[in-house]
Amino acid sequence: MNVNQRPEVALAFTAQLDITFPVPLDPDGKTAKRYGVYAIPTNFLIDREGTIREILIGEVFREEKPLRDLLKNYFPSL
């Protein structure tokens, strides 16, 4: 989720990082506040039922392997 940015700024940022998945916008920061996000980036792992399983603060996924290792805890077939 992109917080406190105009849509055109958020789109330019995701394009620069070659992000291919949808990134929701939170231009006024209300959703971030609701979830207690006070640091950027904050990553949430949400399961299929909508339960938050992990909250990770900071740049924890610079490499793909740590993300895959975390996801294997919840999706062993990965």
C-alpha atoms as a PDB file:
ATOM      1  CA  MET A   1       0.000   0.000   0.000  1.00  0.00           C
ATOM      2  CA  ASN A   2       1.316   3.406  -0.854  1.00  0.00           C
ATOM      3  CA  VAL A   3       0.705   5.855   1.990  1.00  0.00           C
ATOM      4  CA  ASN A   4       0.349   9.642   1.830  1.00  0.00           C
ATOM      5  CA  GLN A   5       1.272   9.971  -1.847  1.00  0.00           C
ATOM      6  CA  ARG A   6      -0.577  11.279  -4.872  1.00  0.00           C
ATOM      7  CA  PRO A   7      -1.549   8.490  -7.309  1.00  0.00           C
ATOM      8  CA  GLU A   8       0.878   9.675 -10.006  1.00  0.00           C
ATOM      9  CA  VAL A   9       3.787   9.643  -7.529  1.00  0.00           C
ATOM     10  CA  ALA A  10       2.848   6.146  -6.339  1.00  0.00           C
ATOM     11  CA  LEU A  11       2.587   4.853  -9.905  1.00  0.00           C
ATOM     12  CA  ALA A  12       5.985   6.309 -10.815  1.00  0.00           C
ATOM     13  CA  PHE A  13       7.533   4.678  -7.739  1.00  0.00           C
ATOM     14  CA  THR A  14       6.094   1.240  -8.505  1.00  0.00           C
ATOM     15  CA  ALA A  15       7.160   1.552 -12.137  1.00  0.00           C
ATOM     16  CA  GLN A  16      10.695   2.451 -11.052  1.00  0.00           C
ATOM     17  CA  LEU A  17      10.835  -0.723  -8.934  1.00  0.00           C
ATOM     18  CA  ASP A  18       9.266  -2.804 -11.728  1.00  0.00           C
ATOM     19  CA  ILE A  19       6.419  -3.875  -9.427  1.00  0.00           C
ATOM     20  CA  THR A  20       3.874  -5.843 -11.432  1.00  0.00           C
ATOM     21  CA  PHE A  21       1.212  -6.467  -8.771  1.00  0.00           C
ATOM     22  CA  PRO A  22      -1.503  -3.975  -7.776  1.00  0.00           C
ATOM     23  CA  VAL A  23      -0.500  -1.513  -5.055  1.00  0.00           C
ATOM     24  CA  PRO A  24      -3.458   0.020  -3.187  1.00  0.00           C
ATOM     25  CA  LEU A  25      -3.390   3.731  -2.436  1.00  0.00           C
ATOM     26  CA  ASP A  26      -3.912   5.301   0.987  1.00  0.00           C
ATOM     27  CA  PRO A  27      -3.554   9.002   0.120  1.00  0.00           C
ATOM     28  CA  ASP A  28      -4.713  10.311   3.499  1.00  0.00           C
ATOM     29  CA  GLY A  29      -3.014   7.639   5.648  1.00  0.00           C
ATOM     30  CA  LYS A  30      -6.245   6.521   7.334  1.00  0.00           C
ATOM     31  CA  THR A  31      -5.762   2.840   6.538  1.00  0.00           C
ATOM     32  CA  ALA A  32      -2.153   2.905   7.727  1.00  0.00           C
ATOM     33  CA  LYS A  33      -3.279   4.428  11.027  1.00  0.00           C
ATOM     34  CA  ARG A  34      -6.028   1.850  11.408  1.00  0.00           C
ATOM     35  CA  TYR A  35      -3.423  -0.942  11.147  1.00  0.00           C
ATOM     36  CA  GLY A  36      -0.890   0.782  13.364  1.00  0.00           C
ATOM     37  CA  VAL A  37       1.638   1.455  10.624  1.00  0.00           C
ATOM     38  CA  TYR A  38       4.122   4.065  11.804  1.00  0.00           C
ATOM     39  CA  ALA A  39       7.194   2.939   9.874  1.00  0.00           C
ATOM     40  CA  ILE A  40       7.617   2.449   6.176  1.00  0.00           C
ATOM     41  CA  PRO A  41       7.918  -0.152   4.895  1.00  0.00           C
ATOM     42  CA  THR A  42       5.697  -2.342   7.046  1.00  0.00           C
ATOM     43  CA  ASN A  43       4.835  -5.739   5.577  1.00  0.00           C
ATOM     44  CA  PHE A  44       1.769  -7.764   6.515  1.00  0.00           C
ATOM     45  CA  LEU A  45       1.351 -11.433   5.708  1.00  0.00           C
ATOM     46  CA  ILE A  46      -2.401 -12.062   5.573  1.00  0.00           C
ATOM     47  CA  ASP A  47      -3.768 -15.573   5.140  1.00  0.00           C
ATOM     48  CA  ARG A  48      -6.687 -16.646   2.971  1.00  0.00           C
ATOM     49  CA  GLU A  49      -9.119 -16.087   5.838  1.00  0.00           C
ATOM     50  CA  GLY A  50      -7.947 -12.496   6.281  1.00  0.00           C
ATOM     51  CA  THR A  51      -5.982 -13.138   9.482  1.00  0.00           C
ATOM     52  CA  ILE A  52      -2.756 -11.173   9.875  1.00  0.00           C
ATOM     53  CA  ARG A  53      -0.059 -13.818  10.444  1.00  0.00           C
ATOM     54  CA  GLU A  54       3.088 -11.695  10.409  1.00  0.00           C
ATOM     55  CA  ILE A  55       3.967  -8.008  10.699  1.00  0.00           C
ATOM     56  CA  LEU A  56       7.475  -7.166   9.560  1.00  0.00           C
ATOM     57  CA  ILE A  57       8.848  -3.649   9.848  1.00  0.00           C
ATOM     58  CA  GLY A  58      11.640  -2.352   7.645  1.00  0.00           C
ATOM     59  CA  GLU A  59      13.259  -3.549   4.455  1.00  0.00           C
ATOM     60  CA  VAL A  60      13.215  -7.242   5.242  1.00  0.00           C
ATOM     61  CA  PHE A  61      12.820  -8.609   1.728  1.00  0.00           C
ATOM     62  CA  ARG A  62      15.672  -7.195  -0.314  1.00  0.00           C
ATOM     63  CA  GLU A  63      16.299 -10.764  -1.443  1.00  0.00           C
ATOM     64  CA  GLU A  64      13.694 -13.314  -2.490  1.00  0.00           C
ATOM     65  CA  LYS A  65      14.964 -16.181  -0.285  1.00  0.00           C
ATOM     66  CA  PRO A  66      13.921 -14.704   3.115  1.00  0.00           C
ATOM     67  CA  LEU A  67      10.416 -14.116   1.768  1.00  0.00           C
ATOM     68  CA  ARG A  68      10.184 -17.655   0.394  1.00  0.00           C
ATOM     69  CA  ASP A  69      11.451 -19.067   3.703  1.00  0.00           C
ATOM     70  CA  LEU A  70       8.795 -17.131   5.633  1.00  0.00           C
ATOM     71  CA  LEU A  71       6.018 -18.154   3.256  1.00  0.00           C
ATOM     72  CA  LYS A  72       6.987 -21.827   3.569  1.00  0.00           C
ATOM     73  CA  ASN A  73       5.846 -21.641   7.200  1.00  0.00           C
ATOM     74  CA  TYR A  74       2.339 -21.031   5.911  1.00  0.00           C
ATOM     75  CA  PHE A  75       2.464 -22.644   2.466  1.00  0.00           C
ATOM     76  CA  PRO A  76       4.741 -25.718   2.669  1.00  0.00           C
ATOM     77  CA  SER A  77       4.277 -26.540  -1.016  1.00  0.00           C
ATOM     78  CA  LEU A  78       6.226 -23.437  -2.104  1.00  0.00           C
END
